[in-house]
Amino acid sequence: MDEQPELLKKLLTMLANTSDEELDCGHVYDMMDEAAELKAKGVDLTVVMPQIEHHLAMCRCCSSEFQLLIDIVQESAEA
C-alpha cells in the first residue's frame, strides 16, 4: 500500500487549516500546564485558549505531551 498520497493529503489538510497567528511548539509548551489544568476541569479550550487548541490539533508531538499532562493532573486530583 502506497502511503505517499495519504501523507500528501494529510499535509495539504494541515496547510489548509493554518491560521495567520500560529503558535509554535515552544509557546504551547510554556502554556501547556495551565491548559491541561483547565482541560482536566472540563473547560473548553476552544473558547479560552483557541490558539493552543488549534496547535494541539495540528501537532502530534505536543498533543501527546498534552494528553500525558492531563492524565497526571487528573491522577493528582483523584489522590
PDB file of N, CA and C in Angstrom:
ATOM      1  N   MET A   1       0.837  -1.186   0.000  1.00  0.00           N
ATOM      2  CA  MET A   1       0.000   0.000   0.000  1.00  0.00           C
ATOM      3  C   MET A   1       0.884   1.252   0.000  1.00  0.00           C
ATOM      4  N   ASP A   2       0.633   2.144  -0.896  1.00  0.00           N
ATOM      5  CA  ASP A   2       1.416   3.364  -1.029  1.00  0.00           C
ATOM      6  C   ASP A   2       0.863   4.424  -0.079  1.00  0.00           C
ATOM      7  N   GLU A   3       1.701   4.863   0.868  1.00  0.00           N
ATOM      8  CA  GLU A   3       1.261   5.834   1.868  1.00  0.00           C
ATOM      9  C   GLU A   3       1.508   7.276   1.446  1.00  0.00           C
ATOM     10  N   GLN A   4       2.220   7.494   0.349  1.00  0.00           N
ATOM     11  CA  GLN A   4       2.527   8.855  -0.065  1.00  0.00           C
ATOM     12  C   GLN A   4       1.285   9.686  -0.359  1.00  0.00           C
ATOM     13  N   PRO A   5       0.308   9.178  -1.100  1.00  0.00           N
ATOM     14  CA  PRO A   5      -0.890  10.007  -1.320  1.00  0.00           C
ATOM     15  C   PRO A   5      -1.605  10.368  -0.016  1.00  0.00           C
ATOM     16  N   GLU A   6      -1.634   9.445   0.925  1.00  0.00           N
ATOM     17  CA  GLU A   6      -2.289   9.721   2.209  1.00  0.00           C
ATOM     18  C   GLU A   6      -1.504  10.778   2.991  1.00  0.00           C
ATOM     19  N   LEU A   7      -0.187  10.672   2.971  1.00  0.00           N
ATOM     20  CA  LEU A   7       0.657  11.657   3.647  1.00  0.00           C
ATOM     21  C   LEU A   7       0.496  13.028   2.998  1.00  0.00           C
ATOM     22  N   LEU A   8       0.495  13.060   1.683  1.00  0.00           N
ATOM     23  CA  LEU A   8       0.306  14.323   0.972  1.00  0.00           C
ATOM     24  C   LEU A   8      -1.047  14.940   1.304  1.00  0.00           C
ATOM     25  N   LYS A   9      -2.082  14.119   1.343  1.00  0.00           N
ATOM     26  CA  LYS A   9      -3.419  14.603   1.689  1.00  0.00           C
ATOM     27  C   LYS A   9      -3.432  15.194   3.099  1.00  0.00           C
ATOM     28  N   LYS A  10      -2.763  14.524   4.026  1.00  0.00           N
ATOM     29  CA  LYS A  10      -2.705  14.989   5.410  1.00  0.00           C
ATOM     30  C   LYS A  10      -1.953  16.325   5.499  1.00  0.00           C
ATOM     31  N   LEU A  11      -0.837  16.425   4.783  1.00  0.00           N
ATOM     32  CA  LEU A  11      -0.069  17.663   4.790  1.00  0.00           C
ATOM     33  C   LEU A  11      -0.855  18.819   4.179  1.00  0.00           C
ATOM     34  N   LEU A  12      -1.562  18.554   3.100  1.00  0.00           N
ATOM     35  CA  LEU A  12      -2.381  19.592   2.473  1.00  0.00           C
ATOM     36  C   LEU A  12      -3.516  20.037   3.388  1.00  0.00           C
ATOM     37  N   THR A  13      -4.099  19.099   4.119  1.00  0.00           N
ATOM     38  CA  THR A  13      -5.153  19.441   5.080  1.00  0.00           C
ATOM     39  C   THR A  13      -4.591  20.320   6.194  1.00  0.00           C
ATOM     40  N   MET A  14      -3.416  19.959   6.700  1.00  0.00           N
ATOM     41  CA  MET A  14      -2.789  20.763   7.750  1.00  0.00           C
ATOM     42  C   MET A  14      -2.472  22.163   7.239  1.00  0.00           C
ATOM     43  N   LEU A  15      -1.975  22.249   6.020  1.00  0.00           N
ATOM     44  CA  LEU A  15      -1.661  23.545   5.438  1.00  0.00           C
ATOM     45  C   LEU A  15      -2.928  24.388   5.278  1.00  0.00           C
ATOM     46  N   ALA A  16      -3.988  23.768   4.841  1.00  0.00           N
ATOM     47  CA  ALA A  16      -5.255  24.488   4.667  1.00  0.00           C
ATOM     48  C   ALA A  16      -5.815  24.982   5.999  1.00  0.00           C
ATOM     49  N   ASN A  17      -5.474  24.301   7.088  1.00  0.00           N
ATOM     50  CA  ASN A  17      -6.005  24.655   8.402  1.00  0.00           C
ATOM     51  C   ASN A  17      -5.103  25.597   9.191  1.00  0.00           C
ATOM     52  N   THR A  18      -4.054  26.090   8.569  1.00  0.00           N
ATOM     53  CA  THR A  18      -3.192  27.030   9.278  1.00  0.00           C
ATOM     54  C   THR A  18      -3.875  28.387   9.367  1.00  0.00           C
ATOM     55  N   SER A  19      -3.459  29.151  10.359  1.00  0.00           N
ATOM     56  CA  SER A  19      -4.017  30.496  10.512  1.00  0.00           C
ATOM     57  C   SER A  19      -2.878  31.509  10.481  1.00  0.00           C
ATOM     58  N   ASP A  20      -3.225  32.772  10.414  1.00  0.00           N
ATOM     59  CA  ASP A  20      -2.219  33.825  10.349  1.00  0.00           C
ATOM     60  C   ASP A  20      -1.427  33.950  11.645  1.00  0.00           C
ATOM     61  N   GLU A  21      -2.016  33.539  12.741  1.00  0.00           N
ATOM     62  CA  GLU A  21      -1.379  33.690  14.044  1.00  0.00           C
ATOM     63  C   GLU A  21      -1.165  32.330  14.696  1.00  0.00           C
ATOM     64  N   GLU A  22      -0.240  31.570  14.158  1.00  0.00           N
ATOM     65  CA  GLU A  22       0.080  30.246  14.691  1.00  0.00           C
ATOM     66  C   GLU A  22       1.031  30.372  15.877  1.00  0.00           C
ATOM     67  N   LEU A  23       0.857  29.515  16.859  1.00  0.00           N
ATOM     68  CA  LEU A  23       1.818  29.407  17.954  1.00  0.00           C
ATOM     69  C   LEU A  23       2.781  28.280  17.632  1.00  0.00           C
ATOM     70  N   ASP A  24       4.039  28.464  18.003  1.00  0.00           N
ATOM     71  CA  ASP A  24       4.988  27.378  17.807  1.00  0.00           C
ATOM     72  C   ASP A  24       4.990  26.466  19.037  1.00  0.00           C
ATOM     73  N   CYS A  25       5.686  25.360  18.925  1.00  0.00           N
ATOM     74  CA  CYS A  25       5.696  24.368  19.999  1.00  0.00           C
ATOM     75  C   CYS A  25       6.220  24.947  21.313  1.00  0.00           C
ATOM     76  N   GLY A  26       7.197  25.832  21.238  1.00  0.00           N
ATOM     77  CA  GLY A  26       7.751  26.439  22.450  1.00  0.00           C
ATOM     78  C   GLY A  26       6.725  27.238  23.222  1.00  0.00           C
ATOM     79  N   HIS A  27       5.947  28.047  22.513  1.00  0.00           N
ATOM     80  CA  HIS A  27       4.902  28.830  23.177  1.00  0.00           C
ATOM     81  C   HIS A  27       3.831  27.920  23.778  1.00  0.00           C
ATOM     82  N   VAL A  28       3.460  26.903  23.029  1.00  0.00           N
ATOM     83  CA  VAL A  28       2.443  25.967  23.524  1.00  0.00           C
ATOM     84  C   VAL A  28       2.971  25.229  24.751  1.00  0.00           C
ATOM     85  N   TYR A  29       4.219  24.805  24.690  1.00  0.00           N
ATOM     86  CA  TYR A  29       4.811  24.091  25.819  1.00  0.00           C
ATOM     87  C   TYR A  29       4.811  24.962  27.074  1.00  0.00           C
ATOM     88  N   ASP A  30       5.114  26.251  26.914  1.00  0.00           N
ATOM     89  CA  ASP A  30       5.136  27.175  28.060  1.00  0.00           C
ATOM     90  C   ASP A  30       3.770  27.313  28.722  1.00  0.00           C
ATOM     91  N   MET A  31       2.698  27.139  27.966  1.00  0.00           N
ATOM     92  CA  MET A  31       1.345  27.312  28.495  1.00  0.00           C
ATOM     93  C   MET A  31       0.617  25.989  28.696  1.00  0.00           C
ATOM     94  N   MET A  32       1.315  24.884  28.444  1.00  0.00           N
ATOM     95  CA  MET A  32       0.665  23.587  28.460  1.00  0.00           C
ATOM     96  C   MET A  32       0.146  23.181  29.837  1.00  0.00           C
ATOM     97  N   ASP A  33       0.873  23.517  30.905  1.00  0.00           N
ATOM     98  CA  ASP A  33       0.418  23.128  32.241  1.00  0.00           C
ATOM     99  C   ASP A  33      -0.895  23.810  32.603  1.00  0.00           C
ATOM    100  N   GLU A  34      -1.004  25.091  32.293  1.00  0.00           N
ATOM    101  CA  GLU A  34      -2.247  25.821  32.552  1.00  0.00           C
ATOM    102  C   GLU A  34      -3.393  25.250  31.712  1.00  0.00           C
ATOM    103  N   ALA A  35      -3.118  24.963  30.451  1.00  0.00           N
ATOM    104  CA  ALA A  35      -4.139  24.407  29.563  1.00  0.00           C
ATOM    105  C   ALA A  35      -4.589  23.032  30.047  1.00  0.00           C
ATOM    106  N   ALA A  36      -3.658  22.212  30.505  1.00  0.00           N
ATOM    107  CA  ALA A  36      -4.002  20.873  30.995  1.00  0.00           C
ATOM    108  C   ALA A  36      -4.876  20.950  32.238  1.00  0.00           C
ATOM    109  N   GLU A  37      -4.572  21.869  33.131  1.00  0.00           N
ATOM    110  CA  GLU A  37      -5.388  22.026  34.335  1.00  0.00           C
ATOM    111  C   GLU A  37      -6.805  22.461  33.972  1.00  0.00           C
ATOM    112  N   LEU A  38      -6.916  23.388  33.044  1.00  0.00           N
ATOM    113  CA  LEU A  38      -8.242  23.834  32.603  1.00  0.00           C
ATOM    114  C   LEU A  38      -9.005  22.695  31.929  1.00  0.00           C
ATOM    115  N   LYS A  39      -8.333  21.968  31.042  1.00  0.00           N
ATOM    116  CA  LYS A  39      -8.969  20.866  30.328  1.00  0.00           C
ATOM    117  C   LYS A  39      -9.425  19.782  31.300  1.00  0.00           C
ATOM    118  N   ALA A  40      -8.601  19.486  32.311  1.00  0.00           N
ATOM    119  CA  ALA A  40      -8.955  18.479  33.308  1.00  0.00           C
ATOM    120  C   ALA A  40     -10.177  18.896  34.122  1.00  0.00           C
ATOM    121  N   LYS A  41     -10.396  20.207  34.243  1.00  0.00           N
ATOM    122  CA  LYS A  41     -11.568  20.724  34.952  1.00  0.00           C
ATOM    123  C   LYS A  41     -12.795  20.795  34.055  1.00  0.00           C
ATOM    124  N   GLY A  42     -12.617  20.437  32.769  1.00  0.00           N
ATOM    125  CA  GLY A  42     -13.744  20.436  31.850  1.00  0.00           C
ATOM    126  C   GLY A  42     -13.933  21.728  31.072  1.00  0.00           C
ATOM    127  N   VAL A  43     -12.970  22.628  31.158  1.00  0.00           N
ATOM    128  CA  VAL A  43     -13.056  23.898  30.434  1.00  0.00           C
ATOM    129  C   VAL A  43     -12.819  23.638  28.946  1.00  0.00           C
ATOM    130  N   ASP A  44     -13.597  24.291  28.107  1.00  0.00           N
ATOM    131  CA  ASP A  44     -13.471  24.166  26.656  1.00  0.00           C
ATOM    132  C   ASP A  44     -12.331  25.061  26.175  1.00  0.00           C
ATOM    133  N   LEU A  45     -11.221  24.461  25.794  1.00  0.00           N
ATOM    134  CA  LEU A  45     -10.060  25.233  25.367  1.00  0.00           C
ATOM    135  C   LEU A  45     -10.300  25.988  24.067  1.00  0.00           C
ATOM    136  N   THR A  46     -11.241  25.538  23.266  1.00  0.00           N
ATOM    137  CA  THR A  46     -11.521  26.272  22.028  1.00  0.00           C
ATOM    138  C   THR A  46     -12.083  27.656  22.335  1.00  0.00           C
ATOM    139  N   VAL A  47     -12.613  27.833  23.533  1.00  0.00           N
ATOM    140  CA  VAL A  47     -13.155  29.130  23.940  1.00  0.00           C
ATOM    141  C   VAL A  47     -12.091  29.972  24.633  1.00  0.00           C
ATOM    142  N   VAL A  48     -11.370  29.393  25.596  1.00  0.00           N
ATOM    143  CA  VAL A  48     -10.444  30.179  26.411  1.00  0.00           C
ATOM    144  C   VAL A  48      -9.013  30.214  25.862  1.00  0.00           C
ATOM    145  N   MET A  49      -8.624  29.212  25.104  1.00  0.00           N
ATOM    146  CA  MET A  49      -7.277  29.152  24.529  1.00  0.00           C
ATOM    147  C   MET A  49      -7.342  28.583  23.110  1.00  0.00           C
ATOM    148  N   PRO A  50      -7.996  29.285  22.214  1.00  0.00           N
ATOM    149  CA  PRO A  50      -8.202  28.720  20.879  1.00  0.00           C
ATOM    150  C   PRO A  50      -6.911  28.447  20.107  1.00  0.00           C
ATOM    151  N   GLN A  51      -5.895  29.273  20.282  1.00  0.00           N
ATOM    152  CA  GLN A  51      -4.643  29.037  19.561  1.00  0.00           C
ATOM    153  C   GLN A  51      -3.929  27.796  20.081  1.00  0.00           C
ATOM    154  N   ILE A  52      -4.016  27.567  21.381  1.00  0.00           N
ATOM    155  CA  ILE A  52      -3.428  26.357  21.965  1.00  0.00           C
ATOM    156  C   ILE A  52      -4.163  25.135  21.431  1.00  0.00           C
ATOM    157  N   GLU A  53      -5.471  25.172  21.473  1.00  0.00           N
ATOM    158  CA  GLU A  53      -6.288  24.054  20.994  1.00  0.00           C
ATOM    159  C   GLU A  53      -6.000  23.776  19.518  1.00  0.00           C
ATOM    160  N   HIS A  54      -5.863  24.823  18.740  1.00  0.00           N
ATOM    161  CA  HIS A  54      -5.568  24.661  17.317  1.00  0.00           C
ATOM    162  C   HIS A  54      -4.206  23.981  17.125  1.00  0.00           C
ATOM    163  N   HIS A  55      -3.212  24.436  17.856  1.00  0.00           N
ATOM    164  CA  HIS A  55      -1.881  23.847  17.736  1.00  0.00           C
ATOM    165  C   HIS A  55      -1.907  22.375  18.140  1.00  0.00           C
ATOM    166  N   LEU A  56      -2.597  22.072  19.213  1.00  0.00           N
ATOM    167  CA  LEU A  56      -2.670  20.687  19.680  1.00  0.00           C
ATOM    168  C   LEU A  56      -3.361  19.788  18.662  1.00  0.00           C
ATOM    169  N   ALA A  57      -4.305  20.337  17.933  1.00  0.00           N
ATOM    170  CA  ALA A  57      -4.982  19.559  16.892  1.00  0.00           C
ATOM    171  C   ALA A  57      -4.073  19.304  15.698  1.00  0.00           C
ATOM    172  N   MET A  58      -3.086  20.159  15.509  1.00  0.00           N
ATOM    173  CA  MET A  58      -2.212  20.047  14.350  1.00  0.00           C
ATOM    174  C   MET A  58      -0.883  19.346  14.650  1.00  0.00           C
ATOM    175  N   CYS A  59      -0.438  19.370  15.885  1.00  0.00           N
ATOM    176  CA  CYS A  59       0.903  18.889  16.243  1.00  0.00           C
ATOM    177  C   CYS A  59       0.817  17.620  17.092  1.00  0.00           C
ATOM    178  N   ARG A  60       1.202  16.524  16.502  1.00  0.00           N
ATOM    179  CA  ARG A  60       1.129  15.230  17.188  1.00  0.00           C
ATOM    180  C   ARG A  60       2.027  15.190  18.428  1.00  0.00           C
ATOM    181  N   CYS A  61       3.222  15.775  18.345  1.00  0.00           N
ATOM    182  CA  CYS A  61       4.147  15.751  19.486  1.00  0.00           C
ATOM    183  C   CYS A  61       3.568  16.504  20.687  1.00  0.00           C
ATOM    184  N   CYS A  62       3.101  17.716  20.447  1.00  0.00           N
ATOM    185  CA  CYS A  62       2.522  18.497  21.542  1.00  0.00           C
ATOM    186  C   CYS A  62       1.247  17.855  22.063  1.00  0.00           C
ATOM    187  N   SER A  63       0.457  17.295  21.165  1.00  0.00           N
ATOM    188  CA  SER A  63      -0.785  16.646  21.567  1.00  0.00           C
ATOM    189  C   SER A  63      -0.519  15.458  22.485  1.00  0.00           C
ATOM    190  N   SER A  64       0.486  14.670  22.167  1.00  0.00           N
ATOM    191  CA  SER A  64       0.843  13.520  23.013  1.00  0.00           C
ATOM    192  C   SER A  64       1.315  13.982  24.382  1.00  0.00           C
ATOM    193  N   GLU A  65       2.171  14.994  24.398  1.00  0.00           N
ATOM    194  CA  GLU A  65       2.669  15.549  25.657  1.00  0.00           C
ATOM    195  C   GLU A  65       1.519  16.114  26.484  1.00  0.00           C
ATOM    196  N   PHE A  66       0.606  16.791  25.818  1.00  0.00           N
ATOM    197  CA  PHE A  66      -0.546  17.388  26.483  1.00  0.00           C
ATOM    198  C   PHE A  66      -1.429  16.320  27.118  1.00  0.00           C
ATOM    199  N   GLN A  67      -1.669  15.243  26.411  1.00  0.00           N
ATOM    200  CA  GLN A  67      -2.503  14.167  26.944  1.00  0.00           C
ATOM    201  C   GLN A  67      -1.863  13.540  28.178  1.00  0.00           C
ATOM    202  N   LEU A  68      -0.553  13.345  28.141  1.00  0.00           N
ATOM    203  CA  LEU A  68       0.146  12.814  29.319  1.00  0.00           C
ATOM    204  C   LEU A  68       0.010  13.767  30.503  1.00  0.00           C
ATOM    205  N   LEU A  69       0.113  15.047  30.239  1.00  0.00           N
ATOM    206  CA  LEU A  69      -0.014  16.037  31.307  1.00  0.00           C
ATOM    207  C   LEU A  69      -1.424  16.045  31.885  1.00  0.00           C
ATOM    208  N   ILE A  70      -2.431  15.934  31.040  1.00  0.00           N
ATOM    209  CA  ILE A  70      -3.811  15.852  31.530  1.00  0.00           C
ATOM    210  C   ILE A  70      -3.983  14.633  32.422  1.00  0.00           C
ATOM    211  N   ASP A  71      -3.433  13.496  32.008  1.00  0.00           N
ATOM    212  CA  ASP A  71      -3.526  12.280  32.803  1.00  0.00           C
ATOM    213  C   ASP A  71      -2.893  12.484  34.186  1.00  0.00           C
ATOM    214  N   ILE A  72      -1.753  13.154  34.236  1.00  0.00           N
ATOM    215  CA  ILE A  72      -1.069  13.419  35.511  1.00  0.00           C
ATOM    216  C   ILE A  72      -1.923  14.334  36.379  1.00  0.00           C
ATOM    217  N   VAL A  73      -2.478  15.382  35.788  1.00  0.00           N
ATOM    218  CA  VAL A  73      -3.320  16.321  36.549  1.00  0.00           C
ATOM    219  C   VAL A  73      -4.535  15.601  37.110  1.00  0.00           C
ATOM    220  N   GLN A  74      -5.163  14.752  36.298  1.00  0.00           N
ATOM    221  CA  GLN A  74      -6.351  14.032  36.760  1.00  0.00           C
ATOM    222  C   GLN A  74      -6.004  13.030  37.852  1.00  0.00           C
ATOM    223  N   GLU A  75      -4.887  12.343  37.729  1.00  0.00           N
ATOM    224  CA  GLU A  75      -4.461  11.397  38.771  1.00  0.00           C
ATOM    225  C   GLU A  75      -4.163  12.120  40.069  1.00  0.00           C
ATOM    226  N   SER A  76      -3.544  13.298  39.983  1.00  0.00           N
ATOM    227  CA  SER A  76      -3.239  14.089  41.181  1.00  0.00           C
ATOM    228  C   SER A  76      -4.506  14.555  41.876  1.00  0.00           C
ATOM    229  N   ALA A  77      -5.511  14.901  41.086  1.00  0.00           N
ATOM    230  CA  ALA A  77      -6.775  15.362  41.643  1.00  0.00           C
ATOM    231  C   ALA A  77      -7.520  14.229  42.357  1.00  0.00           C
ATOM    232  N   GLU A  78      -7.335  13.007  41.870  1.00  0.00           N
ATOM    233  CA  GLU A  78      -8.005  11.854  42.465  1.00  0.00           C
ATOM    234  C   GLU A  78      -7.329  11.392  43.748  1.00  0.00           C
ATOM    235  N   ALA A  79      -6.055  11.733  43.914  1.00  0.00           N
ATOM    236  CA  ALA A  79      -5.294  11.273  45.088  1.00  0.00           C
ATOM    237  C   ALA A  79      -5.610  12.074  46.321  1.00  0.00           C
TER     238      ALA A  79
END
